[in-house]
Amino acid sequence: MPDVDILIGSKSDLPVAAKASETLTRFGLTSQTHVASAHRNPERVVRILKESDASVFIAMAGMSAALPGVVAAQTLKPVIGVPVSGKINLDAVLSVSQMPKGIPVASVALDGGENAALLAVEILALSRSALAEKLKEYRAEWNREPETP
């Protein structure tokens, strides 16, 4: 059973999903990535959500980025939306950040797989003290790194 399920709209989103998965692994969390388009195969999206025991979902897509909204409409668990660029795509950014009332989606940076994973870690750390300690260590390490110009 993965801690986090990552849904991506197409295989072209795999590099961003890989960054999220790598970050989750760093914290000892498990994830599973599913390719499921909200437009081409919405029934697959619904099936994945119904069969999932994950605590958090990360949904990534470019173009219209409807996937995060579809995921959020089908679950009561936290959904983190990641607009994927390929090319800078204002539609993806806007659709992830402009969810209708009652369908909350947390929005992170364009191509922000790592940020999405870190937000998932923060959510899960609320009820897992060992994970909270790893997050504190990560932040302390991150704060020691020199700033880039």
C-alpha atoms as a PDB file:
ATOM      1  CA  MET A   1       0.000   0.000   0.000  1.00  0.00           C
ATOM      2  CA  PRO A   2       1.633   3.264  -1.054  1.00  0.00           C
ATOM      3  CA  ASP A   3       1.613   6.290   1.237  1.00  0.00           C
ATOM      4  CA  VAL A   4       1.114   8.561  -1.768  1.00  0.00           C
ATOM      5  CA  ASP A   5      -0.426   7.851  -5.160  1.00  0.00           C
ATOM      6  CA  ILE A   6       0.883   9.988  -8.014  1.00  0.00           C
ATOM      7  CA  LEU A   7      -1.399  10.362 -11.022  1.00  0.00           C
ATOM      8  CA  ILE A   8      -0.056  11.841 -14.236  1.00  0.00           C
ATOM      9  CA  GLY A   9      -1.943  12.773 -17.384  1.00  0.00           C
ATOM     10  CA  SER A  10       0.550  11.268 -19.811  1.00  0.00           C
ATOM     11  CA  LYS A  11       3.939   9.573 -20.002  1.00  0.00           C
ATOM     12  CA  SER A  12       5.533  12.919 -20.858  1.00  0.00           C
ATOM     13  CA  ASP A  13       4.894  13.895 -17.199  1.00  0.00           C
ATOM     14  CA  LEU A  14       7.079  11.033 -15.893  1.00  0.00           C
ATOM     15  CA  PRO A  15      10.214  13.155 -15.223  1.00  0.00           C
ATOM     16  CA  VAL A  16       8.266  15.435 -12.867  1.00  0.00           C
ATOM     17  CA  ALA A  17       6.625  12.425 -11.192  1.00  0.00           C
ATOM     18  CA  ALA A  18      10.059  10.843 -10.744  1.00  0.00           C
ATOM     19  CA  LYS A  19      11.245  13.887  -8.774  1.00  0.00           C
ATOM     20  CA  ALA A  20       8.246  13.525  -6.462  1.00  0.00           C
ATOM     21  CA  SER A  21       8.821   9.807  -6.033  1.00  0.00           C
ATOM     22  CA  GLU A  22      12.534  10.306  -5.278  1.00  0.00           C
ATOM     23  CA  THR A  23      11.716  12.908  -2.634  1.00  0.00           C
ATOM     24  CA  LEU A  24       9.124  10.662  -0.984  1.00  0.00           C
ATOM     25  CA  THR A  25      11.618   7.782  -0.957  1.00  0.00           C
ATOM     26  CA  ARG A  26      14.156  10.025   0.779  1.00  0.00           C
ATOM     27  CA  PHE A  27      11.695  10.252   3.678  1.00  0.00           C
ATOM     28  CA  GLY A  28      11.025   6.522   3.712  1.00  0.00           C
ATOM     29  CA  LEU A  29       7.609   6.877   2.114  1.00  0.00           C
ATOM     30  CA  THR A  30       6.245   4.707  -0.648  1.00  0.00           C
ATOM     31  CA  SER A  31       4.511   5.903  -3.776  1.00  0.00           C
ATOM     32  CA  GLN A  32       3.004   4.526  -6.919  1.00  0.00           C
ATOM     33  CA  THR A  33       2.689   6.400 -10.218  1.00  0.00           C
ATOM     34  CA  HIS A  34      -0.299   5.897 -12.499  1.00  0.00           C
ATOM     35  CA  VAL A  35      -0.758   7.260 -16.027  1.00  0.00           C
ATOM     36  CA  ALA A  36      -4.412   8.236 -16.300  1.00  0.00           C
ATOM     37  CA  SER A  37      -5.769  11.127 -18.329  1.00  0.00           C
ATOM     38  CA  ALA A  38      -8.823  12.961 -17.022  1.00  0.00           C
ATOM     39  CA  HIS A  39      -9.916  13.399 -20.641  1.00  0.00           C
ATOM     40  CA  ARG A  40      -8.940  10.176 -22.375  1.00  0.00           C
ATOM     41  CA  ASN A  41      -9.705   7.658 -19.633  1.00  0.00           C
ATOM     42  CA  PRO A  42     -11.604   9.221 -16.706  1.00  0.00           C
ATOM     43  CA  GLU A  43     -12.972   5.813 -15.689  1.00  0.00           C
ATOM     44  CA  ARG A  44      -9.378   4.688 -15.036  1.00  0.00           C
ATOM     45  CA  VAL A  45      -8.854   7.709 -12.764  1.00  0.00           C
ATOM     46  CA  VAL A  46     -11.976   6.832 -10.778  1.00  0.00           C
ATOM     47  CA  ARG A  47     -10.963   3.157 -10.522  1.00  0.00           C
ATOM     48  CA  ILE A  48      -7.466   4.070  -9.265  1.00  0.00           C
ATOM     49  CA  LEU A  49      -8.961   6.294  -6.579  1.00  0.00           C
ATOM     50  CA  LYS A  50     -11.510   3.713  -5.459  1.00  0.00           C
ATOM     51  CA  GLU A  51      -8.840   1.002  -5.184  1.00  0.00           C
ATOM     52  CA  SER A  52      -6.244   3.212  -3.494  1.00  0.00           C
ATOM     53  CA  ASP A  53      -5.354   3.120   0.186  1.00  0.00           C
ATOM     54  CA  ALA A  54      -2.965   6.067  -0.179  1.00  0.00           C
ATOM     55  CA  SER A  55      -3.289   8.901   2.334  1.00  0.00           C
ATOM     56  CA  VAL A  56      -2.427  11.695  -0.117  1.00  0.00           C
ATOM     57  CA  PHE A  57      -2.722  12.106  -3.875  1.00  0.00           C
ATOM     58  CA  ILE A  58      -0.444  14.097  -6.149  1.00  0.00           C
ATOM     59  CA  ALA A  59      -2.013  14.837  -9.536  1.00  0.00           C
ATOM     60  CA  MET A  60       0.149  16.196 -12.364  1.00  0.00           C
ATOM     61  CA  ALA A  61      -0.863  17.250 -15.825  1.00  0.00           C
ATOM     62  CA  GLY A  62      -0.121  19.762 -18.521  1.00  0.00           C
ATOM     63  CA  MET A  63      -2.356  21.424 -21.056  1.00  0.00           C
ATOM     64  CA  SER A  64      -5.660  22.004 -19.246  1.00  0.00           C
ATOM     65  CA  ALA A  65      -4.512  20.106 -16.143  1.00  0.00           C
ATOM     66  CA  ALA A  66      -8.028  18.867 -15.373  1.00  0.00           C
ATOM     67  CA  LEU A  67      -6.609  15.808 -13.593  1.00  0.00           C
ATOM     68  CA  PRO A  68      -6.115  17.436 -10.155  1.00  0.00           C
ATOM     69  CA  GLY A  69      -9.720  18.660 -10.140  1.00  0.00           C
ATOM     70  CA  VAL A  70     -11.094  15.290 -11.207  1.00  0.00           C
ATOM     71  CA  VAL A  71      -9.071  13.566  -8.481  1.00  0.00           C
ATOM     72  CA  ALA A  72     -10.238  16.079  -5.857  1.00  0.00           C
ATOM     73  CA  ALA A  73     -13.861  15.631  -6.917  1.00  0.00           C
ATOM     74  CA  GLN A  74     -13.584  11.855  -6.386  1.00  0.00           C
ATOM     75  CA  THR A  75     -11.838  11.685  -2.994  1.00  0.00           C
ATOM     76  CA  LEU A  76     -11.977  13.200   0.473  1.00  0.00           C
ATOM     77  CA  LYS A  77      -8.206  12.845   0.896  1.00  0.00           C
ATOM     78  CA  PRO A  78      -5.718  15.688   0.298  1.00  0.00           C
ATOM     79  CA  VAL A  79      -4.896  16.374  -3.353  1.00  0.00           C
ATOM     80  CA  ILE A  80      -1.801  18.260  -4.435  1.00  0.00           C
ATOM     81  CA  GLY A  81      -1.913  19.583  -7.985  1.00  0.00           C
ATOM     82  CA  VAL A  82       1.192  20.089 -10.097  1.00  0.00           C
ATOM     83  CA  PRO A  83       0.921  21.913 -13.405  1.00  0.00           C
ATOM     84  CA  VAL A  84       3.412  20.390 -15.823  1.00  0.00           C
ATOM     85  CA  SER A  85       4.866  22.647 -18.455  1.00  0.00           C
ATOM     86  CA  GLY A  86       6.754  20.906 -21.214  1.00  0.00           C
ATOM     87  CA  LYS A  87       6.433  24.411 -22.561  1.00  0.00           C
ATOM     88  CA  ILE A  88       5.282  27.209 -20.300  1.00  0.00           C
ATOM     89  CA  ASN A  89       1.573  26.603 -20.216  1.00  0.00           C
ATOM     90  CA  LEU A  90      -0.597  29.212 -18.540  1.00  0.00           C
ATOM     91  CA  ASP A  91      -3.679  26.983 -18.930  1.00  0.00           C
ATOM     92  CA  ALA A  92      -2.097  24.310 -16.726  1.00  0.00           C
ATOM     93  CA  VAL A  93      -1.159  26.817 -14.032  1.00  0.00           C
ATOM     94  CA  LEU A  94      -4.576  28.463 -14.014  1.00  0.00           C
ATOM     95  CA  SER A  95      -6.607  25.273 -14.032  1.00  0.00           C
ATOM     96  CA  VAL A  96      -4.728  23.861 -11.042  1.00  0.00           C
ATOM     97  CA  SER A  97      -5.013  27.103  -9.071  1.00  0.00           C
ATOM     98  CA  GLN A  98      -8.640  27.934  -9.915  1.00  0.00           C
ATOM     99  CA  MET A  99     -10.622  25.024  -8.515  1.00  0.00           C
ATOM    100  CA  PRO A 100     -14.325  25.580  -7.915  1.00  0.00           C
ATOM    101  CA  LYS A 101     -15.680  26.032  -4.406  1.00  0.00           C
ATOM    102  CA  GLY A 102     -15.871  22.711  -2.565  1.00  0.00           C
ATOM    103  CA  ILE A 103     -13.143  20.999  -4.646  1.00  0.00           C
ATOM    104  CA  PRO A 104      -9.904  21.943  -2.872  1.00  0.00           C
ATOM    105  CA  VAL A 105      -6.579  21.264  -4.552  1.00  0.00           C
ATOM    106  CA  ALA A 106      -3.280  22.444  -3.093  1.00  0.00           C
ATOM    107  CA  SER A 107      -1.265  24.015  -5.889  1.00  0.00           C
ATOM    108  CA  VAL A 108       2.512  23.928  -6.005  1.00  0.00           C
ATOM    109  CA  ALA A 109       5.123  25.251  -8.416  1.00  0.00           C
ATOM    110  CA  LEU A 110       5.101  24.639 -12.148  1.00  0.00           C
ATOM    111  CA  ASP A 111       6.900  21.304 -12.606  1.00  0.00           C
ATOM    112  CA  GLY A 112       7.048  21.188  -8.796  1.00  0.00           C
ATOM    113  CA  GLY A 113       7.286  17.449  -8.196  1.00  0.00           C
ATOM    114  CA  GLU A 114       9.672  17.922  -5.295  1.00  0.00           C
ATOM    115  CA  ASN A 115       7.487  20.584  -3.668  1.00  0.00           C
ATOM    116  CA  ALA A 116       4.411  18.382  -4.055  1.00  0.00           C
ATOM    117  CA  ALA A 117       6.232  15.524  -2.343  1.00  0.00           C
ATOM    118  CA  LEU A 118       7.396  17.790   0.476  1.00  0.00           C
ATOM    119  CA  LEU A 119       3.840  19.007   1.040  1.00  0.00           C
ATOM    120  CA  ALA A 120       2.696  15.369   1.145  1.00  0.00           C
ATOM    121  CA  VAL A 121       5.426  14.675   3.719  1.00  0.00           C
ATOM    122  CA  GLU A 122       4.225  17.618   5.819  1.00  0.00           C
ATOM    123  CA  ILE A 123       0.627  16.354   5.687  1.00  0.00           C
ATOM    124  CA  LEU A 124       1.630  12.833   6.674  1.00  0.00           C
ATOM    125  CA  ALA A 125       3.998  14.100   9.384  1.00  0.00           C
ATOM    126  CA  LEU A 126       1.015  15.547  11.253  1.00  0.00           C
ATOM    127  CA  SER A 127       0.181  12.036  12.428  1.00  0.00           C
ATOM    128  CA  ARG A 128       3.599  10.341  12.216  1.00  0.00           C
ATOM    129  CA  SER A 129       6.132  11.591  14.729  1.00  0.00           C
ATOM    130  CA  ALA A 130       9.091   9.742  13.177  1.00  0.00           C
ATOM    131  CA  LEU A 131       8.328  11.370   9.842  1.00  0.00           C
ATOM    132  CA  ALA A 132       8.076  14.766  11.533  1.00  0.00           C
ATOM    133  CA  GLU A 133      11.595  14.227  12.913  1.00  0.00           C
ATOM    134  CA  LYS A 134      12.930  13.375   9.440  1.00  0.00           C
ATOM    135  CA  LEU A 135      11.287  16.524   8.115  1.00  0.00           C
ATOM    136  CA  LYS A 136      12.953  18.624  10.837  1.00  0.00           C
ATOM    137  CA  GLU A 137      16.330  17.093   9.943  1.00  0.00           C
ATOM    138  CA  TYR A 138      15.730  17.763   6.250  1.00  0.00           C
ATOM    139  CA  ARG A 139      14.866  21.404   6.926  1.00  0.00           C
ATOM    140  CA  ALA A 140      17.912  21.853   9.160  1.00  0.00           C
ATOM    141  CA  GLU A 141      20.133  20.361   6.436  1.00  0.00           C
ATOM    142  CA  TRP A 142      18.473  22.481   3.766  1.00  0.00           C
ATOM    143  CA  ASN A 143      18.996  25.635   5.838  1.00  0.00           C
ATOM    144  CA  ARG A 144      22.739  24.872   6.129  1.00  0.00           C
ATOM    145  CA  GLU A 145      23.226  24.780   2.359  1.00  0.00           C
ATOM    146  CA  PRO A 146      24.759  27.944   0.922  1.00  0.00           C
ATOM    147  CA  GLU A 147      22.419  30.264  -0.881  1.00  0.00           C
ATOM    148  CA  THR A 148      22.654  30.331  -4.635  1.00  0.00           C
ATOM    149  CA  PRO A 149      23.027  33.712  -6.319  1.00  0.00           C
END
